[in-house]
Amino acid sequence: MAERLKQFREIGKKIVAVCRNYKGLTAAQGIPNPKTPSLFAKPTTAYITEGQSIRIPEGCNLLYHEVELGVVIKQKCSNVAVSDVDEYIGGFVLALDMTAKDFHNEAKANSRPWFLSKGFDTSCPVSDFIEKEKNPNYRDVRLWLKVDGAMKQDDSTSDMIFSVPEVISYISKYITLEEGDVVLTGTPDGQGPVTDGQIMEAGLADIVSMKFSVTK
């Protein structure tokens, strides 16, 4: 099972993500905390790993970085109670939810779906698979991201509005999660623009770090 989970990019069928899930982020945006998790999805073709570059999608003039903790699902997960979620966690990844922010803003302004702004190729850079045992304190672990060496995001998963178990339990009420699926659990405050030629470095405490370049 562990070896299969390491291949989550090949065996997983979907990436389900949560937006506005950090208290610091909603406070900075001046909006109330959501009553329930707000969900969106990315296709698995969005995955890239170190050594590959994040490509700015055609027509995008405002690309944003968002660092996140990703949870890799171990087994079929449907209508699972919050108290039982840990049994379905196979491991973790550090992830970036790259967002074509101008596409996103335009879609919202016109009451249109914003799938393209989140789902374009290279929009989900991920680290190597992190064994569950290597991240035992996932409820309070540091996430950080630098752009060209300058710290942009630096917070703890303890600032989440909905905890990892709450997020996964909520999703599983409506969408069956399967082995290798990844749940992105939201980004802390500090997300912002990157441009062609810039380098992003991100980390999960001292457990894992990764580096990606941005290119047209």
N, C-alpha and C. Protein backbone atom coordinates (compact mmCIF):
# COMPACT_ATOMS: atom_id res chain seq x y z
N MET A 1 0.82 -1.21 0.00
CA MET A 1 0.00 0.00 0.00
C MET A 1 0.86 1.27 0.00
N ALA A 2 1.90 1.29 0.86
CA ALA A 2 2.75 2.47 0.93
C ALA A 2 3.41 2.77 -0.41
N GLU A 3 3.87 1.72 -1.10
CA GLU A 3 4.51 1.92 -2.39
C GLU A 3 3.51 2.47 -3.41
N ARG A 4 2.29 1.97 -3.35
CA ARG A 4 1.26 2.49 -4.27
C ARG A 4 0.96 3.95 -3.99
N LEU A 5 0.88 4.30 -2.72
CA LEU A 5 0.57 5.69 -2.37
C LEU A 5 1.66 6.64 -2.83
N LYS A 6 2.89 6.16 -2.86
CA LYS A 6 3.98 7.00 -3.37
C LYS A 6 3.75 7.36 -4.84
N GLN A 7 2.94 6.58 -5.51
CA GLN A 7 2.62 6.82 -6.92
C GLN A 7 1.26 7.49 -7.06
N PHE A 8 0.90 8.33 -6.08
CA PHE A 8 -0.44 8.93 -6.06
C PHE A 8 -0.76 9.69 -7.33
N ARG A 9 0.25 10.25 -8.00
CA ARG A 9 -0.02 11.01 -9.21
C ARG A 9 -0.52 10.12 -10.34
N GLU A 10 -0.18 8.83 -10.26
CA GLU A 10 -0.62 7.89 -11.30
C GLU A 10 -1.92 7.18 -10.91
N ILE A 11 -2.10 6.90 -9.61
CA ILE A 11 -3.27 6.12 -9.22
C ILE A 11 -4.45 6.98 -8.78
N GLY A 12 -4.19 8.22 -8.37
CA GLY A 12 -5.28 9.09 -7.95
C GLY A 12 -6.11 9.56 -9.12
N LYS A 13 -7.39 9.73 -8.89
CA LYS A 13 -8.31 10.14 -9.95
C LYS A 13 -8.68 11.62 -9.90
N LYS A 14 -8.44 12.26 -8.76
CA LYS A 14 -8.87 13.65 -8.64
C LYS A 14 -8.10 14.37 -7.55
N ILE A 15 -8.16 15.69 -7.64
CA ILE A 15 -7.62 16.59 -6.63
C ILE A 15 -8.79 17.47 -6.18
N VAL A 16 -9.16 17.36 -4.92
CA VAL A 16 -10.24 18.18 -4.37
C VAL A 16 -9.61 19.20 -3.43
N ALA A 17 -10.00 20.45 -3.57
CA ALA A 17 -9.34 21.52 -2.83
C ALA A 17 -10.35 22.39 -2.09
N VAL A 18 -9.85 23.04 -1.05
CA VAL A 18 -10.66 23.93 -0.23
C VAL A 18 -10.12 25.34 -0.35
N CYS A 19 -11.00 26.32 -0.49
CA CYS A 19 -10.55 27.71 -0.52
C CYS A 19 -10.97 28.43 0.76
N ARG A 20 -10.24 29.50 1.07
CA ARG A 20 -10.54 30.34 2.24
C ARG A 20 -10.68 29.51 3.51
N ASN A 21 -9.64 28.78 3.83
CA ASN A 21 -9.69 27.89 4.98
C ASN A 21 -8.70 28.28 6.07
N TYR A 22 -8.18 29.51 6.02
CA TYR A 22 -7.29 30.00 7.08
C TYR A 22 -7.85 31.29 7.66
N LYS A 23 -7.85 31.37 8.98
CA LYS A 23 -8.42 32.53 9.67
C LYS A 23 -7.67 33.80 9.30
N GLY A 24 -6.35 33.71 9.19
CA GLY A 24 -5.57 34.88 8.83
C GLY A 24 -5.91 35.39 7.45
N LEU A 25 -6.23 34.49 6.54
CA LEU A 25 -6.58 34.88 5.18
C LEU A 25 -7.92 35.61 5.14
N THR A 26 -8.94 35.04 5.79
CA THR A 26 -10.25 35.70 5.78
C THR A 26 -10.19 37.04 6.50
N ALA A 27 -9.39 37.11 7.57
CA ALA A 27 -9.24 38.38 8.29
C ALA A 27 -8.59 39.43 7.39
N ALA A 28 -7.55 39.02 6.66
CA ALA A 28 -6.85 39.95 5.77
C ALA A 28 -7.76 40.43 4.65
N GLN A 29 -8.66 39.56 4.20
CA GLN A 29 -9.59 39.91 3.12
C GLN A 29 -10.84 40.61 3.63
N GLY A 30 -10.99 40.67 4.95
CA GLY A 30 -12.14 41.35 5.52
C GLY A 30 -13.46 40.66 5.28
N ILE A 31 -13.43 39.34 5.25
CA ILE A 31 -14.65 38.57 5.00
C ILE A 31 -14.88 37.62 6.17
N PRO A 32 -16.14 37.24 6.42
CA PRO A 32 -16.41 36.30 7.51
C PRO A 32 -15.90 34.90 7.19
N ASN A 33 -15.62 34.14 8.22
CA ASN A 33 -15.24 32.75 8.01
C ASN A 33 -16.43 31.98 7.43
N PRO A 34 -16.18 31.10 6.46
CA PRO A 34 -17.28 30.32 5.87
C PRO A 34 -17.90 29.37 6.90
N LYS A 35 -19.17 29.06 6.69
CA LYS A 35 -19.88 28.14 7.58
C LYS A 35 -19.57 26.68 7.25
N THR A 36 -19.27 26.41 6.00
CA THR A 36 -18.90 25.07 5.55
C THR A 36 -17.73 25.20 4.58
N PRO A 37 -16.93 24.15 4.38
CA PRO A 37 -15.82 24.23 3.43
C PRO A 37 -16.31 24.55 2.01
N SER A 38 -15.58 25.44 1.34
CA SER A 38 -15.86 25.77 -0.06
C SER A 38 -14.91 24.97 -0.94
N LEU A 39 -15.45 24.18 -1.84
CA LEU A 39 -14.67 23.21 -2.59
C LEU A 39 -14.53 23.56 -4.06
N PHE A 40 -13.41 23.14 -4.64
CA PHE A 40 -13.22 23.14 -6.09
C PHE A 40 -12.33 21.97 -6.43
N ALA A 41 -12.07 21.75 -7.70
CA ALA A 41 -11.28 20.58 -8.12
C ALA A 41 -10.24 20.96 -9.16
N LYS A 42 -9.20 20.16 -9.21
CA LYS A 42 -8.18 20.24 -10.25
C LYS A 42 -8.07 18.87 -10.90
N PRO A 43 -7.74 18.82 -12.19
CA PRO A 43 -7.48 17.52 -12.81
C PRO A 43 -6.09 17.03 -12.45
N THR A 44 -5.86 15.75 -12.53
CA THR A 44 -4.55 15.20 -12.20
C THR A 44 -3.48 15.60 -13.22
N THR A 45 -3.89 16.08 -14.39
CA THR A 45 -2.93 16.60 -15.37
C THR A 45 -2.28 17.89 -14.90
N ALA A 46 -2.76 18.45 -13.79
CA ALA A 46 -2.16 19.67 -13.23
C ALA A 46 -0.87 19.38 -12.47
N TYR A 47 -0.62 18.12 -12.10
CA TYR A 47 0.56 17.77 -11.32
C TYR A 47 1.86 18.03 -12.07
N ILE A 48 2.83 18.59 -11.36
CA ILE A 48 4.23 18.55 -11.80
C ILE A 48 5.09 18.32 -10.56
N THR A 49 6.32 17.88 -10.78
CA THR A 49 7.26 17.65 -9.68
C THR A 49 8.54 18.43 -9.96
N GLU A 50 9.42 18.48 -8.96
CA GLU A 50 10.66 19.25 -9.10
C GLU A 50 11.42 18.82 -10.35
N GLY A 51 11.99 19.82 -10.99
CA GLY A 51 12.65 19.59 -12.27
C GLY A 51 11.79 20.05 -13.43
N GLN A 52 10.51 20.19 -13.19
CA GLN A 52 9.59 20.74 -14.18
C GLN A 52 9.28 22.19 -13.79
N SER A 53 8.84 22.97 -14.76
CA SER A 53 8.55 24.38 -14.52
C SER A 53 7.06 24.65 -14.52
N ILE A 54 6.67 25.64 -13.76
CA ILE A 54 5.29 26.14 -13.80
C ILE A 54 5.16 27.05 -15.01
N ARG A 55 4.25 26.72 -15.88
CA ARG A 55 4.05 27.51 -17.09
C ARG A 55 2.87 28.46 -16.92
N ILE A 56 3.11 29.71 -17.21
CA ILE A 56 2.03 30.70 -17.17
C ILE A 56 1.07 30.38 -18.31
N PRO A 57 -0.21 30.16 -18.03
CA PRO A 57 -1.13 29.79 -19.12
C PRO A 57 -1.32 30.93 -20.12
N GLU A 58 -1.60 30.55 -21.35
CA GLU A 58 -1.79 31.53 -22.41
C GLU A 58 -2.86 32.54 -22.01
N GLY A 59 -2.52 33.82 -22.16
CA GLY A 59 -3.48 34.89 -21.86
C GLY A 59 -3.51 35.32 -20.42
N CYS A 60 -2.78 34.63 -19.55
CA CYS A 60 -2.77 34.98 -18.12
C CYS A 60 -1.74 36.08 -17.87
N ASN A 61 -2.18 37.12 -17.20
CA ASN A 61 -1.29 38.22 -16.84
C ASN A 61 -1.13 38.40 -15.33
N LEU A 62 -1.73 37.48 -14.57
CA LEU A 62 -1.65 37.59 -13.12
C LEU A 62 -1.71 36.19 -12.51
N LEU A 63 -0.54 35.60 -12.30
CA LEU A 63 -0.44 34.24 -11.77
C LEU A 63 -0.08 34.32 -10.29
N TYR A 64 -0.87 33.65 -9.44
CA TYR A 64 -0.68 33.68 -8.00
C TYR A 64 -0.15 32.35 -7.47
N HIS A 65 0.68 32.44 -6.43
CA HIS A 65 1.14 31.26 -5.68
C HIS A 65 0.27 31.08 -4.45
N GLU A 66 0.02 29.81 -4.06
CA GLU A 66 -0.69 29.47 -2.83
C GLU A 66 -0.12 28.15 -2.32
N VAL A 67 0.59 28.19 -1.21
CA VAL A 67 1.20 26.98 -0.65
C VAL A 67 0.19 26.26 0.24
N GLU A 68 0.17 24.93 0.17
CA GLU A 68 -0.85 24.17 0.88
C GLU A 68 -0.32 22.81 1.36
N LEU A 69 -0.97 22.30 2.40
CA LEU A 69 -0.76 20.91 2.81
C LEU A 69 -1.72 20.04 2.02
N GLY A 70 -1.18 19.05 1.32
CA GLY A 70 -2.01 18.09 0.60
C GLY A 70 -2.08 16.77 1.35
N VAL A 71 -3.25 16.18 1.39
CA VAL A 71 -3.46 14.90 2.06
C VAL A 71 -3.71 13.83 1.01
N VAL A 72 -2.97 12.74 1.07
CA VAL A 72 -3.13 11.63 0.13
C VAL A 72 -4.04 10.58 0.78
N ILE A 73 -5.10 10.24 0.09
CA ILE A 73 -6.09 9.30 0.62
C ILE A 73 -5.60 7.86 0.45
N LYS A 74 -5.78 7.06 1.51
CA LYS A 74 -5.27 5.69 1.54
C LYS A 74 -6.23 4.68 0.93
N GLN A 75 -7.54 4.88 1.14
CA GLN A 75 -8.52 3.89 0.71
C GLN A 75 -9.86 4.58 0.48
N LYS A 76 -10.78 3.86 -0.11
CA LYS A 76 -12.10 4.41 -0.40
C LYS A 76 -12.68 5.07 0.84
N CYS A 77 -13.13 6.31 0.68
CA CYS A 77 -13.54 7.15 1.80
C CYS A 77 -14.89 7.78 1.44
N SER A 78 -15.96 7.27 2.04
CA SER A 78 -17.30 7.77 1.74
C SER A 78 -18.10 7.91 3.02
N ASN A 79 -18.64 9.12 3.23
CA ASN A 79 -19.47 9.40 4.41
C ASN A 79 -18.77 8.99 5.71
N VAL A 80 -17.55 9.46 5.87
CA VAL A 80 -16.71 9.10 7.01
C VAL A 80 -16.86 10.14 8.12
N ALA A 81 -16.98 9.70 9.35
CA ALA A 81 -17.06 10.60 10.50
C ALA A 81 -15.72 11.28 10.74
N VAL A 82 -15.77 12.49 11.29
CA VAL A 82 -14.55 13.23 11.59
C VAL A 82 -13.60 12.39 12.45
N SER A 83 -14.13 11.70 13.42
CA SER A 83 -13.31 10.92 14.34
C SER A 83 -12.61 9.73 13.68
N ASP A 84 -13.07 9.35 12.49
CA ASP A 84 -12.49 8.18 11.81
C ASP A 84 -11.57 8.54 10.65
N VAL A 85 -11.42 9.83 10.37
CA VAL A 85 -10.70 10.25 9.17
C VAL A 85 -9.25 9.79 9.15
N ASP A 86 -8.58 9.79 10.30
CA ASP A 86 -7.16 9.40 10.32
C ASP A 86 -6.91 8.03 9.70
N GLU A 87 -7.89 7.14 9.76
CA GLU A 87 -7.75 5.81 9.18
C GLU A 87 -7.65 5.86 7.66
N TYR A 88 -8.07 6.96 7.05
CA TYR A 88 -8.11 7.08 5.61
C TYR A 88 -6.97 7.94 5.05
N ILE A 89 -6.15 8.47 5.94
CA ILE A 89 -5.01 9.27 5.51
C ILE A 89 -3.82 8.35 5.27
N GLY A 90 -3.32 8.34 4.03
CA GLY A 90 -2.18 7.50 3.70
C GLY A 90 -0.86 8.21 3.82
N GLY A 91 -0.89 9.54 3.71
CA GLY A 91 0.33 10.34 3.76
C GLY A 91 0.01 11.75 3.32
N PHE A 92 1.08 12.49 3.00
CA PHE A 92 0.91 13.92 2.69
C PHE A 92 1.81 14.32 1.53
N VAL A 93 1.53 15.50 1.01
CA VAL A 93 2.45 16.18 0.08
C VAL A 93 2.40 17.67 0.40
N LEU A 94 3.48 18.34 0.10
CA LEU A 94 3.47 19.79 0.05
C LEU A 94 3.05 20.16 -1.36
N ALA A 95 2.15 21.13 -1.48
CA ALA A 95 1.61 21.45 -2.80
C ALA A 95 1.50 22.95 -3.00
N LEU A 96 1.49 23.35 -4.25
CA LEU A 96 1.18 24.72 -4.63
C LEU A 96 -0.11 24.70 -5.44
N ASP A 97 -1.05 25.54 -5.04
CA ASP A 97 -2.27 25.74 -5.82
C ASP A 97 -2.05 27.00 -6.64
N MET A 98 -1.48 26.83 -7.84
CA MET A 98 -1.24 27.98 -8.71
C MET A 98 -2.56 28.43 -9.32
N THR A 99 -2.78 29.74 -9.33
CA THR A 99 -4.06 30.30 -9.75
C THR A 99 -3.86 31.40 -10.77
N ALA A 100 -4.51 31.26 -11.92
CA ALA A 100 -4.55 32.35 -12.90
C ALA A 100 -5.56 33.37 -12.37
N LYS A 101 -5.06 34.31 -11.58
CA LYS A 101 -5.94 35.19 -10.80
C LYS A 101 -6.80 36.08 -11.69
N ASP A 102 -6.27 36.51 -12.81
CA ASP A 102 -7.10 37.34 -13.69
C ASP A 102 -8.24 36.52 -14.31
N PHE A 103 -7.96 35.27 -14.67
CA PHE A 103 -9.04 34.38 -15.14
C PHE A 103 -10.08 34.20 -14.04
N HIS A 104 -9.57 34.01 -12.82
CA HIS A 104 -10.43 33.77 -11.66
C HIS A 104 -11.35 34.97 -11.41
N ASN A 105 -10.75 36.16 -11.38
CA ASN A 105 -11.53 37.38 -11.12
C ASN A 105 -12.58 37.63 -12.20
N GLU A 106 -12.20 37.42 -13.44
CA GLU A 106 -13.14 37.65 -14.55
C GLU A 106 -14.30 36.66 -14.48
N ALA A 107 -14.00 35.40 -14.19
CA ALA A 107 -15.06 34.40 -14.11
C ALA A 107 -16.04 34.73 -12.99
N LYS A 108 -15.52 35.09 -11.82
CA LYS A 108 -16.39 35.43 -10.70
C LYS A 108 -17.25 36.66 -11.01
N ALA A 109 -16.65 37.65 -11.64
CA ALA A 109 -17.38 38.88 -11.96
C ALA A 109 -18.52 38.62 -12.92
N ASN A 110 -18.39 37.57 -13.74
CA ASN A 110 -19.42 37.26 -14.73
C ASN A 110 -20.25 36.03 -14.35
N SER A 111 -20.14 35.63 -13.08
CA SER A 111 -20.90 34.48 -12.56
C SER A 111 -20.69 33.23 -13.40
N ARG A 112 -19.43 33.02 -13.79
CA ARG A 112 -19.08 31.85 -14.59
C ARG A 112 -18.18 30.92 -13.77
N PRO A 113 -18.14 29.64 -14.11
CA PRO A 113 -17.23 28.72 -13.41
C PRO A 113 -15.78 29.15 -13.59
N TRP A 114 -14.98 28.91 -12.55
CA TRP A 114 -13.57 29.33 -12.63
C TRP A 114 -12.61 28.14 -12.63
N PHE A 115 -13.06 27.04 -13.19
CA PHE A 115 -12.23 25.83 -13.28
C PHE A 115 -10.92 26.08 -14.00
N LEU A 116 -10.96 26.83 -15.11
CA LEU A 116 -9.75 27.05 -15.90
C LEU A 116 -8.68 27.78 -15.09
N SER A 117 -9.08 28.69 -14.22
CA SER A 117 -8.12 29.47 -13.44
C SER A 117 -7.35 28.61 -12.45
N LYS A 118 -7.89 27.46 -12.10
CA LYS A 118 -7.27 26.58 -11.12
C LYS A 118 -6.74 25.27 -11.72
N GLY A 119 -7.26 24.89 -12.88
CA GLY A 119 -7.01 23.55 -13.40
C GLY A 119 -6.06 23.42 -14.56
N PHE A 120 -5.44 24.53 -14.98
CA PHE A 120 -4.55 24.47 -16.14
C PHE A 120 -3.34 23.57 -15.86
N ASP A 121 -2.72 23.08 -16.93
CA ASP A 121 -1.53 22.25 -16.81
C ASP A 121 -0.46 22.98 -15.99
N THR A 122 0.21 22.27 -15.11
CA THR A 122 1.28 22.74 -14.21
C THR A 122 0.74 23.53 -13.02
N SER A 123 -0.56 23.53 -12.79
CA SER A 123 -1.13 24.35 -11.70
C SER A 123 -1.06 23.67 -10.33
N CYS A 124 -0.52 22.44 -10.27
CA CYS A 124 -0.43 21.76 -8.97
C CYS A 124 0.95 21.13 -8.78
N PRO A 125 1.98 21.95 -8.56
CA PRO A 125 3.29 21.40 -8.22
C PRO A 125 3.23 20.70 -6.87
N VAL A 126 3.88 19.55 -6.75
CA VAL A 126 3.86 18.79 -5.50
C VAL A 126 5.26 18.28 -5.15
N SER A 127 5.46 18.05 -3.86
CA SER A 127 6.70 17.47 -3.37
C SER A 127 6.67 15.96 -3.52
N ASP A 128 7.72 15.31 -3.10
CA ASP A 128 7.70 13.87 -2.96
C ASP A 128 6.67 13.47 -1.91
N PHE A 129 6.20 12.25 -1.98
CA PHE A 129 5.25 11.72 -1.00
C PHE A 129 5.87 11.73 0.39
N ILE A 130 5.08 12.16 1.37
CA ILE A 130 5.52 12.21 2.77
C ILE A 130 4.81 11.11 3.54
N GLU A 131 5.56 10.18 4.08
CA GLU A 131 4.95 9.12 4.88
C GLU A 131 4.18 9.73 6.05
N LYS A 132 3.05 9.13 6.38
CA LYS A 132 2.20 9.63 7.45
C LYS A 132 2.97 9.78 8.75
N GLU A 133 3.86 8.85 9.04
CA GLU A 133 4.61 8.86 10.29
C GLU A 133 5.60 10.02 10.37
N LYS A 134 5.95 10.60 9.23
CA LYS A 134 6.89 11.71 9.22
C LYS A 134 6.22 13.07 9.47
N ASN A 135 4.90 13.07 9.48
CA ASN A 135 4.15 14.31 9.72
C ASN A 135 3.04 14.04 10.74
N PRO A 136 3.41 13.60 11.94
CA PRO A 136 2.39 13.20 12.92
C PRO A 136 1.58 14.37 13.46
N ASN A 137 2.17 15.59 13.44
CA ASN A 137 1.49 16.76 13.99
C ASN A 137 0.91 17.63 12.88
N TYR A 138 0.25 16.97 11.92
CA TYR A 138 -0.26 17.71 10.76
C TYR A 138 -1.27 18.79 11.12
N ARG A 139 -1.86 18.70 12.31
CA ARG A 139 -2.82 19.72 12.73
C ARG A 139 -2.14 21.02 13.14
N ASP A 140 -0.83 20.98 13.34
CA ASP A 140 -0.07 22.17 13.73
C ASP A 140 1.34 22.07 13.18
N VAL A 141 1.45 22.26 11.87
CA VAL A 141 2.75 22.16 11.20
C VAL A 141 2.95 23.41 10.34
N ARG A 142 4.18 23.87 10.28
CA ARG A 142 4.49 25.12 9.58
C ARG A 142 4.49 24.94 8.07
N LEU A 143 3.86 25.89 7.39
CA LEU A 143 3.91 26.00 5.93
C LEU A 143 4.58 27.32 5.58
N TRP A 144 5.50 27.30 4.62
CA TRP A 144 6.12 28.56 4.22
C TRP A 144 6.44 28.56 2.74
N LEU A 145 6.55 29.76 2.17
CA LEU A 145 6.89 29.91 0.76
C LEU A 145 7.66 31.19 0.55
N LYS A 146 8.74 31.10 -0.21
CA LYS A 146 9.56 32.26 -0.58
C LYS A 146 9.52 32.45 -2.10
N VAL A 147 9.57 33.69 -2.52
CA VAL A 147 9.72 34.03 -3.94
C VAL A 147 11.03 34.78 -4.11
N ASP A 148 11.93 34.23 -4.90
CA ASP A 148 13.27 34.81 -5.08
C ASP A 148 13.92 35.12 -3.73
N GLY A 149 13.74 34.22 -2.77
CA GLY A 149 14.37 34.35 -1.47
C GLY A 149 13.62 35.17 -0.44
N ALA A 150 12.55 35.86 -0.84
CA ALA A 150 11.78 36.69 0.08
C ALA A 150 10.58 35.91 0.60
N MET A 151 10.44 35.86 1.93
CA MET A 151 9.33 35.12 2.53
C MET A 151 8.00 35.80 2.20
N LYS A 152 7.06 35.02 1.70
CA LYS A 152 5.75 35.53 1.32
C LYS A 152 4.62 34.90 2.13
N GLN A 153 4.74 33.62 2.43
CA GLN A 153 3.74 32.93 3.24
C GLN A 153 4.44 32.15 4.34
N ASP A 154 3.94 32.26 5.56
CA ASP A 154 4.58 31.60 6.70
C ASP A 154 3.53 31.48 7.81
N ASP A 155 2.99 30.29 8.00
CA ASP A 155 1.91 30.10 8.96
C ASP A 155 1.86 28.63 9.37
N SER A 156 0.93 28.32 10.25
CA SER A 156 0.76 26.95 10.72
C SER A 156 -0.61 26.43 10.32
N THR A 157 -0.70 25.13 10.12
CA THR A 157 -2.00 24.53 9.80
C THR A 157 -2.97 24.64 10.98
N SER A 158 -2.48 25.02 12.14
CA SER A 158 -3.37 25.24 13.28
C SER A 158 -4.31 26.42 13.06
N ASP A 159 -4.01 27.26 12.07
CA ASP A 159 -4.85 28.42 11.76
C ASP A 159 -6.01 28.07 10.83
N MET A 160 -6.12 26.78 10.45
CA MET A 160 -7.23 26.39 9.58
C MET A 160 -8.58 26.64 10.25
N ILE A 161 -9.55 27.05 9.46
CA ILE A 161 -10.92 27.20 9.94
C ILE A 161 -11.54 25.82 10.13
N PHE A 162 -11.38 24.98 9.12
CA PHE A 162 -11.83 23.59 9.18
C PHE A 162 -10.59 22.70 9.18
N SER A 163 -10.47 21.86 10.20
CA SER A 163 -9.31 20.99 10.32
C SER A 163 -9.27 19.97 9.18
N VAL A 164 -8.13 19.32 9.02
CA VAL A 164 -8.01 18.28 8.00
C VAL A 164 -9.10 17.23 8.14
N PRO A 165 -9.33 16.65 9.33
CA PRO A 165 -10.41 15.67 9.45
C PRO A 165 -11.78 16.24 9.11
N GLU A 166 -12.04 17.48 9.49
CA GLU A 166 -13.34 18.10 9.16
C GLU A 166 -13.50 18.27 7.67
N VAL A 167 -12.43 18.69 7.00
CA VAL A 167 -12.49 18.86 5.54
C VAL A 167 -12.77 17.54 4.83
N ILE A 168 -12.00 16.51 5.20
CA ILE A 168 -12.14 15.22 4.52
C ILE A 168 -13.51 14.60 4.82
N SER A 169 -13.96 14.69 6.05
CA SER A 169 -15.28 14.18 6.40
C SER A 169 -16.37 14.88 5.59
N TYR A 170 -16.26 16.19 5.48
CA TYR A 170 -17.26 16.96 4.72
C TYR A 170 -17.27 16.54 3.25
N ILE A 171 -16.10 16.47 2.63
CA ILE A 171 -16.03 16.06 1.23
C ILE A 171 -16.66 14.69 1.04
N SER A 172 -16.34 13.77 1.95
CA SER A 172 -16.79 12.38 1.79
C SER A 172 -18.30 12.20 1.91
N LYS A 173 -18.99 13.21 2.42
CA LYS A 173 -20.45 13.14 2.47
C LYS A 173 -21.07 13.26 1.08
N TYR A 174 -20.32 13.89 0.17
CA TYR A 174 -20.86 14.18 -1.15
C TYR A 174 -20.06 13.54 -2.28
N ILE A 175 -18.77 13.37 -2.06
CA ILE A 175 -17.86 12.86 -3.10
C ILE A 175 -17.04 11.73 -2.51
N THR A 176 -17.09 10.57 -3.12
CA THR A 176 -16.27 9.46 -2.65
C THR A 176 -14.81 9.71 -3.01
N LEU A 177 -13.96 9.70 -2.01
CA LEU A 177 -12.52 9.81 -2.23
C LEU A 177 -11.94 8.41 -2.36
N GLU A 178 -10.94 8.27 -3.21
CA GLU A 178 -10.37 6.96 -3.50
C GLU A 178 -8.86 6.97 -3.31
N GLU A 179 -8.28 5.79 -3.29
CA GLU A 179 -6.85 5.66 -3.09
C GLU A 179 -6.07 6.54 -4.06
N GLY A 180 -5.16 7.33 -3.52
CA GLY A 180 -4.33 8.19 -4.35
C GLY A 180 -4.90 9.56 -4.62
N ASP A 181 -6.19 9.77 -4.33
CA ASP A 181 -6.74 11.11 -4.46
C ASP A 181 -6.04 12.04 -3.49
N VAL A 182 -5.96 13.31 -3.83
CA VAL A 182 -5.32 14.30 -2.98
C VAL A 182 -6.32 15.39 -2.60
N VAL A 183 -6.31 15.74 -1.34
CA VAL A 183 -7.13 16.84 -0.84
C VAL A 183 -6.20 17.99 -0.47
N LEU A 184 -6.38 19.14 -1.13
CA LEU A 184 -5.63 20.35 -0.80
C LEU A 184 -6.43 21.13 0.23
N THR A 185 -5.78 21.49 1.34
CA THR A 185 -6.52 21.93 2.52
C THR A 185 -6.56 23.44 2.73
N GLY A 186 -6.17 24.21 1.72
CA GLY A 186 -6.26 25.66 1.82
C GLY A 186 -4.90 26.31 1.99
N THR A 187 -4.85 27.61 1.72
CA THR A 187 -3.59 28.35 1.81
C THR A 187 -3.68 29.45 2.85
N PRO A 188 -2.60 29.71 3.57
CA PRO A 188 -2.60 30.83 4.51
C PRO A 188 -2.47 32.18 3.80
N ASP A 189 -2.60 33.24 4.58
CA ASP A 189 -2.48 34.58 4.03
C ASP A 189 -1.08 34.78 3.43
N GLY A 190 -0.99 35.69 2.46
CA GLY A 190 0.28 36.02 1.85
C GLY A 190 0.40 35.58 0.40
N GLN A 191 -0.62 34.90 -0.12
CA GLN A 191 -0.56 34.50 -1.52
C GLN A 191 -0.43 35.74 -2.40
N GLY A 192 0.26 35.59 -3.53
CA GLY A 192 0.50 36.76 -4.36
C GLY A 192 1.09 36.38 -5.71
N PRO A 193 1.43 37.39 -6.50
CA PRO A 193 1.82 37.16 -7.89
C PRO A 193 3.26 36.68 -8.06
N VAL A 194 3.46 35.89 -9.11
CA VAL A 194 4.80 35.52 -9.58
C VAL A 194 4.84 35.74 -11.09
N THR A 195 6.04 35.98 -11.59
CA THR A 195 6.19 36.28 -13.01
C THR A 195 7.28 35.41 -13.62
N ASP A 196 7.37 35.48 -14.93
CA ASP A 196 8.34 34.70 -15.69
C ASP A 196 9.75 34.88 -15.14
N GLY A 197 10.41 33.78 -14.87
CA GLY A 197 11.79 33.81 -14.40
C GLY A 197 11.96 33.76 -12.90
N GLN A 198 10.88 33.94 -12.16
CA GLN A 198 11.00 33.90 -10.71
C GLN A 198 11.08 32.46 -10.20
N ILE A 199 11.67 32.32 -9.01
CA ILE A 199 11.85 31.02 -8.38
C ILE A 199 11.09 31.00 -7.06
N MET A 200 10.30 29.96 -6.86
CA MET A 200 9.60 29.76 -5.59
C MET A 200 10.21 28.58 -4.86
N GLU A 201 10.42 28.77 -3.56
CA GLU A 201 10.84 27.68 -2.69
C GLU A 201 9.81 27.57 -1.57
N ALA A 202 9.35 26.36 -1.30
CA ALA A 202 8.33 26.15 -0.28
C ALA A 202 8.73 25.00 0.62
N GLY A 203 8.18 25.00 1.85
CA GLY A 203 8.52 23.94 2.77
C GLY A 203 7.40 23.62 3.74
N LEU A 204 7.48 22.42 4.27
CA LEU A 204 6.59 21.95 5.32
C LEU A 204 7.49 21.66 6.52
N ALA A 205 7.51 22.64 7.48
CA ALA A 205 8.42 22.55 8.62
C ALA A 205 9.82 22.18 8.11
N ASP A 206 10.47 21.21 8.75
CA ASP A 206 11.76 20.72 8.26
C ASP A 206 11.60 19.33 7.65
N ILE A 207 10.36 19.01 7.29
CA ILE A 207 10.05 17.67 6.76
C ILE A 207 10.39 17.57 5.29
N VAL A 208 10.03 18.59 4.53
CA VAL A 208 10.27 18.56 3.09
C VAL A 208 10.31 19.98 2.57
N SER A 209 11.06 20.20 1.51
CA SER A 209 11.05 21.48 0.80
C SER A 209 11.12 21.19 -0.70
N MET A 210 10.75 22.18 -1.49
CA MET A 210 10.76 22.01 -2.94
C MET A 210 10.96 23.37 -3.59
N LYS A 211 11.41 23.32 -4.84
CA LYS A 211 11.70 24.56 -5.57
C LYS A 211 11.19 24.45 -7.00
N PHE A 212 10.53 25.52 -7.46
CA PHE A 212 9.99 25.54 -8.81
C PHE A 212 10.24 26.91 -9.46
N SER A 213 10.52 26.87 -10.75
CA SER A 213 10.66 28.11 -11.51
C SER A 213 9.39 28.37 -12.30
N VAL A 214 9.19 29.63 -12.65
CA VAL A 214 8.03 30.06 -13.44
C VAL A 214 8.51 30.46 -14.82
N THR A 215 7.78 30.01 -15.84
CA THR A 215 8.17 30.34 -17.21
C THR A 215 6.95 30.57 -18.06
N LYS A 216 7.13 31.30 -19.13
CA LYS A 216 6.03 31.53 -20.08
C LYS A 216 5.85 30.30 -20.95
